[in-house]
Amino acid sequence: MKTALKALLIIIGTLSISLGIIGIVVPLLPTTPLILLGAACYVKASDKLYQKLIQNKWLGSYIQDFREKNGITRKNKILSLSMMWGSIILTIIILDAPFWLAAILIIIAVSVSAWILSFDTL
């Protein structure tokens, strides 16, 4: 793989993981998908970074559960969905969002919910 492509994948992976970490405390950012995207980028670009990521005591479990069992724990599903829906509903109410914005937020929430629920529950 060319060096420029590897560098781009490392940058995207690092950005994705950074956003995923922020997503642990900011409900609108989905943690698990962002961590998984970062891991996928690292697998293609840097085995050293990938190994470091999966051995991380906080983030490694997201990847190992998904990779080995192709699923998401019930706790993570419930937490992700409740935080996402709660923050979207609060955003719509607090901002007194216009219809078009509320519709976009709800479409995003429904799409992300369907995606999360499509995985096996561990």
PDB file of N, CA and C in Angstrom:
ATOM      1  N   MET A   1       0.854  -1.177   0.000  1.00  0.00           N
ATOM      2  CA  MET A   1       0.000   0.000   0.000  1.00  0.00           C
ATOM      3  C   MET A   1       0.898   1.237   0.000  1.00  0.00           C
ATOM      4  N   LYS A   2       0.506   2.208  -0.751  1.00  0.00           N
ATOM      5  CA  LYS A   2       1.320   3.418  -0.866  1.00  0.00           C
ATOM      6  C   LYS A   2       1.350   4.197   0.441  1.00  0.00           C
ATOM      7  N   THR A   3       2.446   4.866   0.650  1.00  0.00           N
ATOM      8  CA  THR A   3       2.669   5.608   1.880  1.00  0.00           C
ATOM      9  C   THR A   3       1.617   6.702   2.099  1.00  0.00           C
ATOM     10  N   ALA A   4       1.243   7.400   1.044  1.00  0.00           N
ATOM     11  CA  ALA A   4       0.257   8.474   1.178  1.00  0.00           C
ATOM     12  C   ALA A   4      -1.098   7.920   1.615  1.00  0.00           C
ATOM     13  N   LEU A   5      -1.487   6.772   1.065  1.00  0.00           N
ATOM     14  CA  LEU A   5      -2.762   6.159   1.445  1.00  0.00           C
ATOM     15  C   LEU A   5      -2.711   5.686   2.892  1.00  0.00           C
ATOM     16  N   LYS A   6      -1.593   5.100   3.298  1.00  0.00           N
ATOM     17  CA  LYS A   6      -1.440   4.680   4.692  1.00  0.00           C
ATOM     18  C   LYS A   6      -1.546   5.877   5.632  1.00  0.00           C
ATOM     19  N   ALA A   7      -0.884   6.959   5.271  1.00  0.00           N
ATOM     20  CA  ALA A   7      -0.932   8.168   6.106  1.00  0.00           C
ATOM     21  C   ALA A   7      -2.360   8.697   6.202  1.00  0.00           C
ATOM     22  N   LEU A   8      -3.087   8.702   5.088  1.00  0.00           N
ATOM     23  CA  LEU A   8      -4.473   9.170   5.081  1.00  0.00           C
ATOM     24  C   LEU A   8      -5.340   8.280   5.977  1.00  0.00           C
ATOM     25  N   LEU A   9      -5.161   6.962   5.882  1.00  0.00           N
ATOM     26  CA  LEU A   9      -5.933   6.041   6.716  1.00  0.00           C
ATOM     27  C   LEU A   9      -5.613   6.227   8.196  1.00  0.00           C
ATOM     28  N   ILE A  10      -4.359   6.481   8.510  1.00  0.00           N
ATOM     29  CA  ILE A  10      -3.978   6.719   9.906  1.00  0.00           C
ATOM     30  C   ILE A  10      -4.626   8.012  10.414  1.00  0.00           C
ATOM     31  N   ILE A  11      -4.632   9.038   9.593  1.00  0.00           N
ATOM     32  CA  ILE A  11      -5.260  10.311   9.984  1.00  0.00           C
ATOM     33  C   ILE A  11      -6.756  10.116  10.191  1.00  0.00           C
ATOM     34  N   ILE A  12      -7.422   9.458   9.252  1.00  0.00           N
ATOM     35  CA  ILE A  12      -8.864   9.211   9.372  1.00  0.00           C
ATOM     36  C   ILE A  12      -9.149   8.342  10.599  1.00  0.00           C
ATOM     37  N   GLY A  13      -8.338   7.297  10.788  1.00  0.00           N
ATOM     38  CA  GLY A  13      -8.514   6.422  11.944  1.00  0.00           C
ATOM     39  C   GLY A  13      -8.349   7.157  13.258  1.00  0.00           C
ATOM     40  N   THR A  14      -7.336   7.981  13.344  1.00  0.00           N
ATOM     41  CA  THR A  14      -7.071   8.738  14.568  1.00  0.00           C
ATOM     42  C   THR A  14      -8.188   9.751  14.831  1.00  0.00           C
ATOM     43  N   LEU A  15      -8.641  10.432  13.784  1.00  0.00           N
ATOM     44  CA  LEU A  15      -9.752  11.378  13.931  1.00  0.00           C
ATOM     45  C   LEU A  15     -11.012  10.650  14.382  1.00  0.00           C
ATOM     46  N   SER A  16     -11.289   9.509  13.767  1.00  0.00           N
ATOM     47  CA  SER A  16     -12.466   8.728  14.117  1.00  0.00           C
ATOM     48  C   SER A  16     -12.421   8.258  15.567  1.00  0.00           C
ATOM     49  N   ILE A  17     -11.282   7.758  15.993  1.00  0.00           N
ATOM     50  CA  ILE A  17     -11.142   7.302  17.375  1.00  0.00           C
ATOM     51  C   ILE A  17     -11.263   8.475  18.342  1.00  0.00           C
ATOM     52  N   SER A  18     -10.686   9.611  17.978  1.00  0.00           N
ATOM     53  CA  SER A  18     -10.793  10.806  18.828  1.00  0.00           C
ATOM     54  C   SER A  18     -12.253  11.221  18.993  1.00  0.00           C
ATOM     55  N   LEU A  19     -12.990  11.232  17.887  1.00  0.00           N
ATOM     56  CA  LEU A  19     -14.418  11.577  17.959  1.00  0.00           C
ATOM     57  C   LEU A  19     -15.192  10.528  18.755  1.00  0.00           C
ATOM     58  N   GLY A  20     -14.808   9.265  18.604  1.00  0.00           N
ATOM     59  CA  GLY A  20     -15.448   8.204  19.374  1.00  0.00           C
ATOM     60  C   GLY A  20     -15.240   8.367  20.864  1.00  0.00           C
ATOM     61  N   ILE A  21     -14.049   8.769  21.243  1.00  0.00           N
ATOM     62  CA  ILE A  21     -13.764   9.014  22.666  1.00  0.00           C
ATOM     63  C   ILE A  21     -14.595  10.188  23.166  1.00  0.00           C
ATOM     64  N   ILE A  22     -14.682  11.232  22.368  1.00  0.00           N
ATOM     65  CA  ILE A  22     -15.528  12.376  22.741  1.00  0.00           C
ATOM     66  C   ILE A  22     -16.981  11.915  22.838  1.00  0.00           C
ATOM     67  N   GLY A  23     -17.368  10.980  21.957  1.00  0.00           N
ATOM     68  CA  GLY A  23     -18.731  10.454  21.949  1.00  0.00           C
ATOM     69  C   GLY A  23     -19.119   9.703  23.210  1.00  0.00           C
ATOM     70  N   ILE A  24     -18.147   9.309  23.998  1.00  0.00           N
ATOM     71  CA  ILE A  24     -18.458   8.654  25.270  1.00  0.00           C
ATOM     72  C   ILE A  24     -19.209   9.615  26.182  1.00  0.00           C
ATOM     73  N   VAL A  25     -18.863  10.899  26.115  1.00  0.00           N
ATOM     74  CA  VAL A  25     -19.517  11.886  26.982  1.00  0.00           C
ATOM     75  C   VAL A  25     -20.458  12.828  26.240  1.00  0.00           C
ATOM     76  N   VAL A  26     -20.365  12.886  24.913  1.00  0.00           N
ATOM     77  CA  VAL A  26     -21.250  13.733  24.116  1.00  0.00           C
ATOM     78  C   VAL A  26     -22.232  12.817  23.379  1.00  0.00           C
ATOM     79  N   PRO A  27     -23.484  12.837  23.785  1.00  0.00           N
ATOM     80  CA  PRO A  27     -24.442  11.868  23.282  1.00  0.00           C
ATOM     81  C   PRO A  27     -24.663  11.853  21.767  1.00  0.00           C
ATOM     82  N   LEU A  28     -24.489  12.935  21.072  1.00  0.00           N
ATOM     83  CA  LEU A  28     -24.770  12.946  19.635  1.00  0.00           C
ATOM     84  C   LEU A  28     -23.703  12.240  18.806  1.00  0.00           C
ATOM     85  N   LEU A  29     -22.547  11.971  19.391  1.00  0.00           N
ATOM     86  CA  LEU A  29     -21.490  11.260  18.674  1.00  0.00           C
ATOM     87  C   LEU A  29     -21.546   9.782  19.041  1.00  0.00           C
ATOM     88  N   PRO A  30     -21.768   8.921  18.064  1.00  0.00           N
ATOM     89  CA  PRO A  30     -21.866   7.491  18.368  1.00  0.00           C
ATOM     90  C   PRO A  30     -20.481   6.873  18.589  1.00  0.00           C
ATOM     91  N   THR A  31     -20.215   6.402  19.774  1.00  0.00           N
ATOM     92  CA  THR A  31     -18.894   5.889  20.130  1.00  0.00           C
ATOM     93  C   THR A  31     -18.517   4.637  19.345  1.00  0.00           C
ATOM     94  N   THR A  32     -19.346   3.604  19.419  1.00  0.00           N
ATOM     95  CA  THR A  32     -18.978   2.309  18.836  1.00  0.00           C
ATOM     96  C   THR A  32     -18.674   2.392  17.348  1.00  0.00           C
ATOM     97  N   PRO A  33     -19.544   2.999  16.519  1.00  0.00           N
ATOM     98  CA  PRO A  33     -19.217   3.045  15.084  1.00  0.00           C
ATOM     99  C   PRO A  33     -17.927   3.804  14.781  1.00  0.00           C
ATOM    100  N   LEU A  34     -17.668   4.868  15.524  1.00  0.00           N
ATOM    101  CA  LEU A  34     -16.452   5.642  15.284  1.00  0.00           C
ATOM    102  C   LEU A  34     -15.198   4.867  15.694  1.00  0.00           C
ATOM    103  N   ILE A  35     -15.281   4.145  16.789  1.00  0.00           N
ATOM    104  CA  ILE A  35     -14.138   3.322  17.218  1.00  0.00           C
ATOM    105  C   ILE A  35     -13.903   2.210  16.201  1.00  0.00           C
ATOM    106  N   LEU A  36     -14.980   1.599  15.717  1.00  0.00           N
ATOM    107  CA  LEU A  36     -14.851   0.530  14.718  1.00  0.00           C
ATOM    108  C   LEU A  36     -14.270   1.052  13.410  1.00  0.00           C
ATOM    109  N   LEU A  37     -14.673   2.251  13.000  1.00  0.00           N
ATOM    110  CA  LEU A  37     -14.117   2.854  11.785  1.00  0.00           C
ATOM    111  C   LEU A  37     -12.618   3.093  11.962  1.00  0.00           C
ATOM    112  N   GLY A  38     -12.238   3.620  13.117  1.00  0.00           N
ATOM    113  CA  GLY A  38     -10.819   3.845  13.398  1.00  0.00           C
ATOM    114  C   GLY A  38     -10.032   2.547  13.356  1.00  0.00           C
ATOM    115  N   ALA A  39     -10.600   1.493  13.929  1.00  0.00           N
ATOM    116  CA  ALA A  39      -9.927   0.188  13.926  1.00  0.00           C
ATOM    117  C   ALA A  39      -9.777  -0.327  12.498  1.00  0.00           C
ATOM    118  N   ALA A  40     -10.809  -0.161  11.671  1.00  0.00           N
ATOM    119  CA  ALA A  40     -10.739  -0.620  10.279  1.00  0.00           C
ATOM    120  C   ALA A  40      -9.644   0.129   9.517  1.00  0.00           C
ATOM    121  N   CYS A  41      -9.525   1.419   9.775  1.00  0.00           N
ATOM    122  CA  CYS A  41      -8.461   2.200   9.122  1.00  0.00           C
ATOM    123  C   CYS A  41      -7.082   1.717   9.574  1.00  0.00           C
ATOM    124  N   TYR A  42      -6.933   1.472  10.869  1.00  0.00           N
ATOM    125  CA  TYR A  42      -5.656   1.019  11.403  1.00  0.00           C
ATOM    126  C   TYR A  42      -5.285  -0.366  10.885  1.00  0.00           C
ATOM    127  N   VAL A  43      -6.272  -1.253  10.708  1.00  0.00           N
ATOM    128  CA  VAL A  43      -5.992  -2.597  10.186  1.00  0.00           C
ATOM    129  C   VAL A  43      -5.328  -2.499   8.821  1.00  0.00           C
ATOM    130  N   LYS A  44      -5.805  -1.586   7.990  1.00  0.00           N
ATOM    131  CA  LYS A  44      -5.256  -1.430   6.637  1.00  0.00           C
ATOM    132  C   LYS A  44      -3.925  -0.692   6.621  1.00  0.00           C
ATOM    133  N   ALA A  45      -3.706   0.193   7.600  1.00  0.00           N
ATOM    134  CA  ALA A  45      -2.552   1.087   7.510  1.00  0.00           C
ATOM    135  C   ALA A  45      -1.405   0.754   8.463  1.00  0.00           C
ATOM    136  N   SER A  46      -1.732   0.307   9.676  1.00  0.00           N
ATOM    137  CA  SER A  46      -0.664   0.140  10.668  1.00  0.00           C
ATOM    138  C   SER A  46      -1.031  -0.941  11.688  1.00  0.00           C
ATOM    139  N   ASP A  47      -0.369  -2.077  11.596  1.00  0.00           N
ATOM    140  CA  ASP A  47      -0.628  -3.156  12.547  1.00  0.00           C
ATOM    141  C   ASP A  47      -0.243  -2.722  13.961  1.00  0.00           C
ATOM    142  N   LYS A  48       0.796  -1.919  14.080  1.00  0.00           N
ATOM    143  CA  LYS A  48       1.236  -1.442  15.392  1.00  0.00           C
ATOM    144  C   LYS A  48       0.137  -0.616  16.076  1.00  0.00           C
ATOM    145  N   LEU A  49      -0.477   0.321  15.342  1.00  0.00           N
ATOM    146  CA  LEU A  49      -1.548   1.137  15.915  1.00  0.00           C
ATOM    147  C   LEU A  49      -2.782   0.294  16.218  1.00  0.00           C
ATOM    148  N   TYR A  50      -3.090  -0.660  15.335  1.00  0.00           N
ATOM    149  CA  TYR A  50      -4.247  -1.529  15.549  1.00  0.00           C
ATOM    150  C   TYR A  50      -4.058  -2.355  16.822  1.00  0.00           C
ATOM    151  N   GLN A  51      -2.888  -2.948  16.998  1.00  0.00           N
ATOM    152  CA  GLN A  51      -2.616  -3.748  18.192  1.00  0.00           C
ATOM    153  C   GLN A  51      -2.701  -2.885  19.454  1.00  0.00           C
ATOM    154  N   LYS A  52      -2.180  -1.680  19.367  1.00  0.00           N
ATOM    155  CA  LYS A  52      -2.242  -0.756  20.499  1.00  0.00           C
ATOM    156  C   LYS A  52      -3.700  -0.436  20.848  1.00  0.00           C
ATOM    157  N   LEU A  53      -4.523  -0.267  19.818  1.00  0.00           N
ATOM    158  CA  LEU A  53      -5.933   0.057  20.024  1.00  0.00           C
ATOM    159  C   LEU A  53      -6.690  -1.109  20.649  1.00  0.00           C
ATOM    160  N   ILE A  54      -6.517  -2.312  20.122  1.00  0.00           N
ATOM    161  CA  ILE A  54      -7.290  -3.434  20.663  1.00  0.00           C
ATOM    162  C   ILE A  54      -6.797  -3.869  22.046  1.00  0.00           C
ATOM    163  N   GLN A  55      -5.594  -3.463  22.407  1.00  0.00           N
ATOM    164  CA  GLN A  55      -5.088  -3.781  23.739  1.00  0.00           C
ATOM    165  C   GLN A  55      -5.416  -2.695  24.758  1.00  0.00           C
ATOM    166  N   ASN A  56      -6.012  -1.603  24.296  1.00  0.00           N
ATOM    167  CA  ASN A  56      -6.396  -0.520  25.191  1.00  0.00           C
ATOM    168  C   ASN A  56      -7.500  -1.013  26.124  1.00  0.00           C
ATOM    169  N   LYS A  57      -7.353  -0.756  27.426  1.00  0.00           N
ATOM    170  CA  LYS A  57      -8.313  -1.313  28.392  1.00  0.00           C
ATOM    171  C   LYS A  57      -9.703  -0.686  28.281  1.00  0.00           C
ATOM    172  N   TRP A  58      -9.832   0.501  27.722  1.00  0.00           N
ATOM    173  CA  TRP A  58     -11.152   1.128  27.596  1.00  0.00           C
ATOM    174  C   TRP A  58     -11.768   0.911  26.217  1.00  0.00           C
ATOM    175  N   LEU A  59     -10.973   0.992  25.178  1.00  0.00           N
ATOM    176  CA  LEU A  59     -11.521   0.917  23.822  1.00  0.00           C
ATOM    177  C   LEU A  59     -11.441  -0.472  23.204  1.00  0.00           C
ATOM    178  N   GLY A  60     -10.531  -1.280  23.687  1.00  0.00           N
ATOM    179  CA  GLY A  60     -10.319  -2.597  23.096  1.00  0.00           C
ATOM    180  C   GLY A  60     -11.545  -3.485  23.129  1.00  0.00           C
ATOM    181  N   SER A  61     -12.358  -3.369  24.175  1.00  0.00           N
ATOM    182  CA  SER A  61     -13.530  -4.236  24.304  1.00  0.00           C
ATOM    183  C   SER A  61     -14.554  -3.964  23.206  1.00  0.00           C
ATOM    184  N   TYR A  62     -14.696  -2.717  22.786  1.00  0.00           N
ATOM    185  CA  TYR A  62     -15.626  -2.390  21.696  1.00  0.00           C
ATOM    186  C   TYR A  62     -15.260  -3.197  20.448  1.00  0.00           C
ATOM    187  N   ILE A  63     -13.986  -3.184  20.133  1.00  0.00           N
ATOM    188  CA  ILE A  63     -13.503  -3.825  18.909  1.00  0.00           C
ATOM    189  C   ILE A  63     -13.525  -5.344  19.048  1.00  0.00           C
ATOM    190  N   GLN A  64     -13.068  -5.859  20.166  1.00  0.00           N
ATOM    191  CA  GLN A  64     -13.016  -7.305  20.345  1.00  0.00           C
ATOM    192  C   GLN A  64     -14.411  -7.917  20.370  1.00  0.00           C
ATOM    193  N   ASP A  65     -15.366  -7.283  21.044  1.00  0.00           N
ATOM    194  CA  ASP A  65     -16.735  -7.792  21.041  1.00  0.00           C
ATOM    195  C   ASP A  65     -17.278  -7.845  19.622  1.00  0.00           C
ATOM    196  N   PHE A  66     -17.049  -6.796  18.882  1.00  0.00           N
ATOM    197  CA  PHE A  66     -17.576  -6.721  17.527  1.00  0.00           C
ATOM    198  C   PHE A  66     -16.851  -7.707  16.616  1.00  0.00           C
ATOM    199  N   ARG A  67     -15.550  -7.758  16.709  1.00  0.00           N
ATOM    200  CA  ARG A  67     -14.748  -8.614  15.824  1.00  0.00           C
ATOM    201  C   ARG A  67     -14.967 -10.093  16.112  1.00  0.00           C
ATOM    202  N   GLU A  68     -14.936 -10.464  17.366  1.00  0.00           N
ATOM    203  CA  GLU A  68     -15.021 -11.870  17.725  1.00  0.00           C
ATOM    204  C   GLU A  68     -16.449 -12.391  17.771  1.00  0.00           C
ATOM    205  N   LYS A  69     -17.365 -11.559  18.176  1.00  0.00           N
ATOM    206  CA  LYS A  69     -18.743 -12.025  18.374  1.00  0.00           C
ATOM    207  C   LYS A  69     -19.727 -11.360  17.426  1.00  0.00           C
ATOM    208  N   ASN A  70     -19.250 -10.429  16.610  1.00  0.00           N
ATOM    209  CA  ASN A  70     -20.083  -9.682  15.656  1.00  0.00           C
ATOM    210  C   ASN A  70     -21.339  -9.112  16.316  1.00  0.00           C
ATOM    211  N   GLY A  71     -21.145  -8.460  17.432  1.00  0.00           N
ATOM    212  CA  GLY A  71     -22.279  -7.891  18.128  1.00  0.00           C
ATOM    213  C   GLY A  71     -21.878  -6.777  19.070  1.00  0.00           C
ATOM    214  N   ILE A  72     -22.908  -6.230  19.719  1.00  0.00           N
ATOM    215  CA  ILE A  72     -22.732  -5.135  20.669  1.00  0.00           C
ATOM    216  C   ILE A  72     -23.435  -5.556  21.951  1.00  0.00           C
ATOM    217  N   THR A  73     -22.829  -5.272  23.084  1.00  0.00           N
ATOM    218  CA  THR A  73     -23.451  -5.664  24.345  1.00  0.00           C
ATOM    219  C   THR A  73     -24.784  -4.940  24.539  1.00  0.00           C
ATOM    220  N   ARG A  74     -25.674  -5.584  25.272  1.00  0.00           N
ATOM    221  CA  ARG A  74     -26.994  -4.998  25.559  1.00  0.00           C
ATOM    222  C   ARG A  74     -26.824  -3.646  26.242  1.00  0.00           C
ATOM    223  N   LYS A  75     -25.887  -3.587  27.187  1.00  0.00           N
ATOM    224  CA  LYS A  75     -25.637  -2.338  27.916  1.00  0.00           C
ATOM    225  C   LYS A  75     -25.250  -1.217  26.950  1.00  0.00           C
ATOM    226  N   ASN A  76     -24.335  -1.501  26.001  1.00  0.00           N
ATOM    227  CA  ASN A  76     -23.906  -0.475  25.049  1.00  0.00           C
ATOM    228  C   ASN A  76     -25.025  -0.082  24.091  1.00  0.00           C
ATOM    229  N   LYS A  77     -25.862  -1.043  23.708  1.00  0.00           N
ATOM    230  CA  LYS A  77     -27.002  -0.709  22.847  1.00  0.00           C
ATOM    231  C   LYS A  77     -27.971   0.220  23.572  1.00  0.00           C
ATOM    232  N   ILE A  78     -28.335  -0.157  24.780  1.00  0.00           N
ATOM    233  CA  ILE A  78     -29.283   0.646  25.552  1.00  0.00           C
ATOM    234  C   ILE A  78     -28.719   2.030  25.822  1.00  0.00           C
ATOM    235  N   LEU A  79     -27.471   2.090  26.241  1.00  0.00           N
ATOM    236  CA  LEU A  79     -26.832   3.373  26.534  1.00  0.00           C
ATOM    237  C   LEU A  79     -26.755   4.243  25.278  1.00  0.00           C
ATOM    238  N   SER A  80     -26.313   3.661  24.172  1.00  0.00           N
ATOM    239  CA  SER A  80     -26.182   4.417  22.927  1.00  0.00           C
ATOM    240  C   SER A  80     -27.526   4.959  22.461  1.00  0.00           C
ATOM    241  N   LEU A  81     -28.521   4.090  22.435  1.00  0.00           N
ATOM    242  CA  LEU A  81     -29.834   4.506  21.934  1.00  0.00           C
ATOM    243  C   LEU A  81     -30.505   5.517  22.853  1.00  0.00           C
ATOM    244  N   SER A  82     -30.441   5.288  24.158  1.00  0.00           N
ATOM    245  CA  SER A  82     -31.105   6.221  25.068  1.00  0.00           C
ATOM    246  C   SER A  82     -30.428   7.585  25.073  1.00  0.00           C
ATOM    247  N   MET A  83     -29.102   7.599  25.049  1.00  0.00           N
ATOM    248  CA  MET A  83     -28.399   8.882  25.020  1.00  0.00           C
ATOM    249  C   MET A  83     -28.661   9.618  23.708  1.00  0.00           C
ATOM    250  N   MET A  84     -28.642   8.881  22.608  1.00  0.00           N
ATOM    251  CA  MET A  84     -28.863   9.517  21.312  1.00  0.00           C
ATOM    252  C   MET A  84     -30.270  10.106  21.232  1.00  0.00           C
ATOM    253  N   TRP A  85     -31.278   9.284  21.543  1.00  0.00           N
ATOM    254  CA  TRP A  85     -32.656   9.766  21.451  1.00  0.00           C
ATOM    255  C   TRP A  85     -32.921  10.890  22.451  1.00  0.00           C
ATOM    256  N   GLY A  86     -32.398  10.751  23.653  1.00  0.00           N
ATOM    257  CA  GLY A  86     -32.588  11.802  24.654  1.00  0.00           C
ATOM    258  C   GLY A  86     -31.982  13.123  24.221  1.00  0.00           C
ATOM    259  N   SER A  87     -30.780  13.063  23.673  1.00  0.00           N
ATOM    260  CA  SER A  87     -30.125  14.306  23.257  1.00  0.00           C
ATOM    261  C   SER A  87     -30.812  14.913  22.029  1.00  0.00           C
ATOM    262  N   ILE A  88     -31.300  14.082  21.139  1.00  0.00           N
ATOM    263  CA  ILE A  88     -31.985  14.614  19.955  1.00  0.00           C
ATOM    264  C   ILE A  88     -33.306  15.256  20.357  1.00  0.00           C
ATOM    265  N   ILE A  89     -34.056  14.597  21.223  1.00  0.00           N
ATOM    266  CA  ILE A  89     -35.335  15.169  21.668  1.00  0.00           C
ATOM    267  C   ILE A  89     -35.095  16.469  22.426  1.00  0.00           C
ATOM    268  N   LEU A  90     -34.087  16.480  23.315  1.00  0.00           N
ATOM    269  CA  LEU A  90     -33.777  17.712  24.043  1.00  0.00           C
ATOM    270  C   LEU A  90     -33.315  18.825  23.102  1.00  0.00           C
ATOM    271  N   THR A  91     -32.529  18.465  22.110  1.00  0.00           N
ATOM    272  CA  THR A  91     -32.065  19.458  21.143  1.00  0.00           C
ATOM    273  C   THR A  91     -33.250  20.080  20.411  1.00  0.00           C
ATOM    274  N   ILE A  92     -34.175  19.257  19.985  1.00  0.00           N
ATOM    275  CA  ILE A  92     -35.356  19.754  19.264  1.00  0.00           C
ATOM    276  C   ILE A  92     -36.176  20.675  20.164  1.00  0.00           C
ATOM    277  N   ILE A  93     -36.356  20.278  21.426  1.00  0.00           N
ATOM    278  CA  ILE A  93     -37.165  21.074  22.351  1.00  0.00           C
ATOM    279  C   ILE A  93     -36.452  22.363  22.747  1.00  0.00           C
ATOM    280  N   ILE A  94     -35.195  22.250  23.166  1.00  0.00           N
ATOM    281  CA  ILE A  94     -34.462  23.427  23.658  1.00  0.00           C
ATOM    282  C   ILE A  94     -34.245  24.455  22.554  1.00  0.00           C
ATOM    283  N   LEU A  95     -33.889  23.977  21.357  1.00  0.00           N
ATOM    284  CA  LEU A  95     -33.647  24.908  20.251  1.00  0.00           C
ATOM    285  C   LEU A  95     -34.935  25.358  19.566  1.00  0.00           C
ATOM    286  N   ASP A  96     -36.052  24.764  19.992  1.00  0.00           N
ATOM    287  CA  ASP A  96     -37.317  25.026  19.307  1.00  0.00           C
ATOM    288  C   ASP A  96     -37.080  24.911  17.798  1.00  0.00           C
ATOM    289  N   ALA A  97     -36.528  23.743  17.437  1.00  0.00           N
ATOM    290  CA  ALA A  97     -36.051  23.503  16.075  1.00  0.00           C
ATOM    291  C   ALA A  97     -37.168  23.608  15.051  1.00  0.00           C
ATOM    292  N   PRO A  98     -36.860  24.220  13.917  1.00  0.00           N
ATOM    293  CA  PRO A  98     -37.847  24.248  12.835  1.00  0.00           C
ATOM    294  C   PRO A  98     -38.126  22.823  12.349  1.00  0.00           C
ATOM    295  N   PHE A  99     -39.241  22.650  11.694  1.00  0.00           N
ATOM    296  CA  PHE A  99     -39.665  21.314  11.262  1.00  0.00           C
ATOM    297  C   PHE A  99     -38.590  20.598  10.455  1.00  0.00           C
ATOM    298  N   TRP A 100     -37.953  21.286   9.516  1.00  0.00           N
ATOM    299  CA  TRP A 100     -36.981  20.627   8.650  1.00  0.00           C
ATOM    300  C   TRP A 100     -35.794  20.091   9.443  1.00  0.00           C
ATOM    301  N   LEU A 101     -35.345  20.850  10.455  1.00  0.00           N
ATOM    302  CA  LEU A 101     -34.227  20.413  11.272  1.00  0.00           C
ATOM    303  C   LEU A 101     -34.631  19.234  12.157  1.00  0.00           C
ATOM    304  N   ALA A 102     -35.814  19.319  12.759  1.00  0.00           N
ATOM    305  CA  ALA A 102     -36.311  18.218  13.578  1.00  0.00           C
ATOM    306  C   ALA A 102     -36.453  16.948  12.741  1.00  0.00           C
ATOM    307  N   ALA A 103     -36.939  17.088  11.528  1.00  0.00           N
ATOM    308  CA  ALA A 103     -37.104  15.935  10.643  1.00  0.00           C
ATOM    309  C   ALA A 103     -35.756  15.302  10.314  1.00  0.00           C
ATOM    310  N   ILE A 104     -34.756  16.119  10.022  1.00  0.00           N
ATOM    311  CA  ILE A 104     -33.416  15.599   9.717  1.00  0.00           C
ATOM    312  C   ILE A 104     -32.847  14.864  10.928  1.00  0.00           C
ATOM    313  N   LEU A 105     -32.969  15.460  12.112  1.00  0.00           N
ATOM    314  CA  LEU A 105     -32.449  14.825  13.326  1.00  0.00           C
ATOM    315  C   LEU A 105     -33.145  13.490  13.600  1.00  0.00           C
ATOM    316  N   ILE A 106     -34.441  13.443  13.388  1.00  0.00           N
ATOM    317  CA  ILE A 106     -35.183  12.203  13.625  1.00  0.00           C
ATOM    318  C   ILE A 106     -34.816  11.151  12.585  1.00  0.00           C
ATOM    319  N   ILE A 107     -34.637  11.543  11.350  1.00  0.00           N
ATOM    320  CA  ILE A 107     -34.214  10.592  10.306  1.00  0.00           C
ATOM    321  C   ILE A 107     -32.836  10.014  10.649  1.00  0.00           C
ATOM    322  N   ILE A 108     -31.928  10.866  11.106  1.00  0.00           N
ATOM    323  CA  ILE A 108     -30.604  10.392  11.510  1.00  0.00           C
ATOM    324  C   ILE A 108     -30.732   9.418  12.673  1.00  0.00           C
ATOM    325  N   ALA A 109     -31.541   9.764  13.671  1.00  0.00           N
ATOM    326  CA  ALA A 109     -31.705   8.903  14.843  1.00  0.00           C
ATOM    327  C   ALA A 109     -32.315   7.559  14.473  1.00  0.00           C
ATOM    328  N   VAL A 110     -33.307   7.564  13.605  1.00  0.00           N
ATOM    329  CA  VAL A 110     -33.926   6.311  13.178  1.00  0.00           C
ATOM    330  C   VAL A 110     -32.914   5.455  12.415  1.00  0.00           C
ATOM    331  N   SER A 111     -32.137   6.086  11.543  1.00  0.00           N
ATOM    332  CA  SER A 111     -31.134   5.348  10.764  1.00  0.00           C
ATOM    333  C   SER A 111     -30.057   4.738  11.654  1.00  0.00           C
ATOM    334  N   VAL A 112     -29.534   5.529  12.569  1.00  0.00           N
ATOM    335  CA  VAL A 112     -28.497   5.024  13.475  1.00  0.00           C
ATOM    336  C   VAL A 112     -29.074   3.941  14.393  1.00  0.00           C
ATOM    337  N   SER A 113     -30.309   4.132  14.850  1.00  0.00           N
ATOM    338  CA  SER A 113     -30.952   3.122  15.696  1.00  0.00           C
ATOM    339  C   SER A 113     -31.098   1.806  14.951  1.00  0.00           C
ATOM    340  N   ALA A 114     -31.557   1.861  13.710  1.00  0.00           N
ATOM    341  CA  ALA A 114     -31.707   0.641  12.906  1.00  0.00           C
ATOM    342  C   ALA A 114     -30.364  -0.051  12.725  1.00  0.00           C
ATOM    343  N   TRP A 115     -29.325   0.740  12.483  1.00  0.00           N
ATOM    344  CA  TRP A 115     -27.992   0.169  12.293  1.00  0.00           C
ATOM    345  C   TRP A 115     -27.509  -0.508  13.571  1.00  0.00           C
ATOM    346  N   ILE A 116     -27.658   0.159  14.706  1.00  0.00           N
ATOM    347  CA  ILE A 116     -27.218  -0.413  15.982  1.00  0.00           C
ATOM    348  C   ILE A 116     -28.018  -1.674  16.306  1.00  0.00           C
ATOM    349  N   LEU A 117     -29.318  -1.629  16.096  1.00  0.00           N
ATOM    350  CA  LEU A 117     -30.166  -2.778  16.407  1.00  0.00           C
ATOM    351  C   LEU A 117     -29.970  -3.948  15.449  1.00  0.00           C
ATOM    352  N   SER A 118     -29.353  -3.694  14.312  1.00  0.00           N
ATOM    353  CA  SER A 118     -29.128  -4.771  13.348  1.00  0.00           C
ATOM    354  C   SER A 118     -28.035  -5.745  13.781  1.00  0.00           C
ATOM    355  N   PHE A 119     -27.213  -5.347  14.745  1.00  0.00           N
ATOM    356  CA  PHE A 119     -26.154  -6.216  15.232  1.00  0.00           C
ATOM    357  C   PHE A 119     -26.685  -7.127  16.338  1.00  0.00           C
ATOM    358  N   ASP A 120     -26.069  -8.289  16.446  1.00  0.00           N
ATOM    359  CA  ASP A 120     -26.437  -9.224  17.508  1.00  0.00           C
ATOM    360  C   ASP A 120     -26.205  -8.563  18.865  1.00  0.00           C
ATOM    361  N   THR A 121     -27.061  -8.929  19.821  1.00  0.00           N
ATOM    362  CA  THR A 121     -26.890  -8.446  21.172  1.00  0.00           C
ATOM    363  C   THR A 121     -26.097  -9.481  21.956  1.00  0.00           C
ATOM    364  N   LEU A 122     -25.031  -9.033  22.580  1.00  0.00           N
ATOM    365  CA  LEU A 122     -24.176  -9.961  23.340  1.00  0.00           C
ATOM    366  C   LEU A 122     -24.597 -10.003  24.795  1.00  0.00           C
TER     367      LEU A 122
END
